[in-house]
Amino acid sequence: MKRSQRVTSSRRKCRKAHFTAASSERRKIMSCGLSKALREKYGVRSLPIKRGDEVSFPNHKSQNKKDRIQGKVTTVYRKKYCIYVDKYTKEKQNGQTVNIALKPSICRIEKLYLNKDRKEYIDRKTKAAEKLKNKNTGA
């Protein structure tokens, strides 16, 4: 059941909003989950991915789910909704190496690239989460 007048439930309109989103909106859409250790440390479940973060992602060639490749994010390509990781490449027939695109939703951030702005963003996010928690519990 639709609860908000501002949000549409139409599939067509949702897809249009997704694919015509501005770069600032795409940043949030391209969020990535944090590892369990980082979740406990910062009190945040996910963050927008950034160049310099170290991520792990499943090895698609292996059937074993515990096989995960780790690497550093070299590029965040917002226009195509993908990221490129330094260790995830393939060799073309002519011998040239090419990066393989990954969706951020399948990745886990293992190590954060922290600067002043990102620390402030994490602090704002944790404060908002605490406010919401207090509001729901009635404290």
Protein backbone atom coordinates (compact mmCIF):
# COMPACT_ATOMS: atom_id res chain seq x y z
CA MET A 1 0.00 0.00 0.00
CA LYS A 2 1.30 3.44 -0.92
CA ARG A 3 1.86 5.65 2.12
CA SER A 4 3.56 8.75 0.73
CA GLN A 5 2.20 11.02 -1.98
CA ARG A 6 5.72 12.08 -3.03
CA VAL A 7 6.90 8.55 -3.89
CA THR A 8 5.63 6.65 -6.89
CA SER A 9 4.99 2.93 -7.04
CA SER A 10 4.95 2.85 -10.83
CA ARG A 11 7.67 0.60 -12.27
CA ARG A 12 8.04 2.78 -15.34
CA LYS A 13 8.55 5.98 -13.32
CA CYS A 14 10.96 4.30 -10.89
CA ARG A 15 13.12 3.02 -13.76
CA LYS A 16 13.11 6.43 -15.43
CA ALA A 17 14.16 8.11 -12.17
CA HIS A 18 16.95 5.56 -11.73
CA PHE A 19 18.45 5.85 -15.19
CA THR A 20 18.11 9.64 -15.48
CA ALA A 21 19.41 10.35 -11.97
CA ALA A 22 21.93 13.13 -11.46
CA SER A 23 25.50 12.29 -10.47
CA SER A 24 24.88 13.40 -6.87
CA GLU A 25 21.96 10.97 -6.61
CA ARG A 26 23.93 8.17 -8.29
CA ARG A 27 26.56 8.50 -5.55
CA LYS A 28 24.01 7.37 -2.98
CA ILE A 29 22.55 4.68 -5.25
CA MET A 30 26.05 3.23 -5.65
CA SER A 31 26.40 2.51 -1.93
CA CYS A 32 28.23 -0.54 -0.73
CA GLY A 33 27.89 -2.59 2.44
CA LEU A 34 30.60 -2.56 5.09
CA SER A 35 32.31 -5.62 6.55
CA LYS A 36 31.18 -6.78 9.99
CA ALA A 37 34.23 -5.30 11.72
CA LEU A 38 33.68 -1.87 10.14
CA ARG A 39 29.96 -1.98 10.94
CA GLU A 40 30.70 -2.45 14.63
CA LYS A 41 33.46 0.18 14.61
CA TYR A 42 31.53 3.00 12.90
CA GLY A 43 27.92 2.02 13.61
CA VAL A 44 27.01 2.32 9.92
CA ARG A 45 25.70 -0.42 7.65
CA SER A 46 26.66 0.98 4.23
CA LEU A 47 28.40 3.94 2.62
CA PRO A 48 28.72 5.37 -0.87
CA ILE A 49 31.75 3.76 -2.49
CA LYS A 50 34.81 5.91 -3.12
CA ARG A 51 38.08 5.60 -5.00
CA GLY A 52 40.71 4.28 -2.59
CA ASP A 53 38.42 1.95 -0.63
CA GLU A 54 39.48 -1.68 -0.39
CA VAL A 55 36.66 -4.04 -1.32
CA SER A 56 36.12 -7.77 -1.45
CA PHE A 57 33.78 -9.44 -3.89
CA PRO A 58 32.87 -13.01 -4.82
CA ASN A 59 34.98 -14.82 -7.39
CA HIS A 60 32.53 -15.56 -10.21
CA LYS A 61 34.70 -18.34 -11.64
CA SER A 62 34.54 -20.34 -8.40
CA GLN A 63 31.41 -22.04 -7.14
CA ASN A 64 32.61 -21.80 -3.53
CA LYS A 65 30.97 -18.76 -1.87
CA LYS A 66 33.89 -18.29 0.54
CA ASP A 67 36.29 -17.47 -2.32
CA ARG A 68 36.41 -13.69 -2.34
CA ILE A 69 38.84 -11.46 -4.22
CA GLN A 70 40.16 -8.33 -2.50
CA GLY A 71 41.39 -5.19 -4.22
CA LYS A 72 41.48 -1.42 -4.20
CA VAL A 73 38.85 0.63 -6.07
CA THR A 74 40.58 2.50 -8.91
CA THR A 75 37.53 4.08 -10.56
CA VAL A 76 33.91 4.78 -9.64
CA TYR A 77 32.07 5.11 -12.95
CA ARG A 78 28.76 6.74 -12.01
CA LYS A 79 27.51 7.03 -15.58
CA LYS A 80 27.54 3.23 -15.98
CA TYR A 81 26.73 2.40 -12.31
CA CYS A 82 29.92 0.33 -11.97
CA ILE A 83 33.30 0.32 -10.26
CA TYR A 84 36.71 -0.94 -11.32
CA VAL A 85 39.05 -2.79 -8.95
CA ASP A 86 42.81 -2.97 -9.52
CA LYS A 87 43.21 -6.75 -9.24
CA TYR A 88 40.15 -7.69 -11.30
CA THR A 89 41.29 -7.62 -14.95
CA LYS A 90 41.26 -9.83 -18.01
CA GLU A 91 43.64 -10.15 -20.91
CA LYS A 92 42.41 -9.43 -24.40
CA GLN A 93 43.43 -11.51 -27.41
CA ASN A 94 46.03 -8.94 -28.46
CA GLY A 95 47.68 -9.10 -25.00
CA GLN A 96 46.22 -5.87 -23.61
CA THR A 97 44.83 -6.01 -20.06
CA VAL A 98 41.38 -4.55 -19.43
CA ASN A 99 39.57 -3.81 -16.18
CA ILE A 100 36.31 -5.66 -15.57
CA ALA A 101 33.31 -3.65 -14.36
CA LEU A 102 31.66 -4.64 -11.07
CA LYS A 103 28.38 -3.64 -9.52
CA PRO A 104 28.93 -2.05 -6.09
CA SER A 105 25.96 -3.95 -4.65
CA ILE A 106 27.89 -7.27 -4.73
CA CYS A 107 30.96 -5.79 -3.01
CA ARG A 108 31.84 -5.39 0.68
CA ILE A 109 34.08 -2.57 1.89
CA GLU A 110 36.90 -4.13 3.91
CA LYS A 111 39.00 -0.99 4.47
CA LEU A 112 37.77 2.61 4.25
CA TYR A 113 39.59 5.49 2.62
CA LEU A 114 39.02 8.12 5.31
CA ASN A 115 39.39 11.85 4.88
CA LYS A 116 37.86 14.77 6.78
CA ASP A 117 34.65 14.91 4.72
CA ARG A 118 34.02 11.19 4.96
CA LYS A 119 34.50 11.20 8.74
CA GLU A 120 31.95 14.01 9.01
CA TYR A 121 29.53 12.07 6.80
CA ILE A 122 29.86 8.96 9.01
CA ASP A 123 29.29 11.07 12.15
CA ARG A 124 26.13 12.64 10.66
CA LYS A 125 24.85 9.22 9.63
CA THR A 126 25.42 7.68 13.08
CA LYS A 127 23.73 10.64 14.80
CA ALA A 128 20.71 10.29 12.54
CA ALA A 129 20.55 6.56 13.25
CA GLU A 130 20.71 7.17 17.01
CA LYS A 131 17.92 9.76 16.77
CA LEU A 132 15.74 7.33 14.88
CA LYS A 133 16.51 4.56 17.37
CA ASN A 134 15.55 6.80 20.32
CA LYS A 135 12.38 7.89 18.55
CA ASN A 136 11.28 4.29 17.94
CA THR A 137 12.04 3.11 21.47
CA GLY A 138 10.35 6.09 23.11
CA ALA A 139 13.38 7.08 25.22
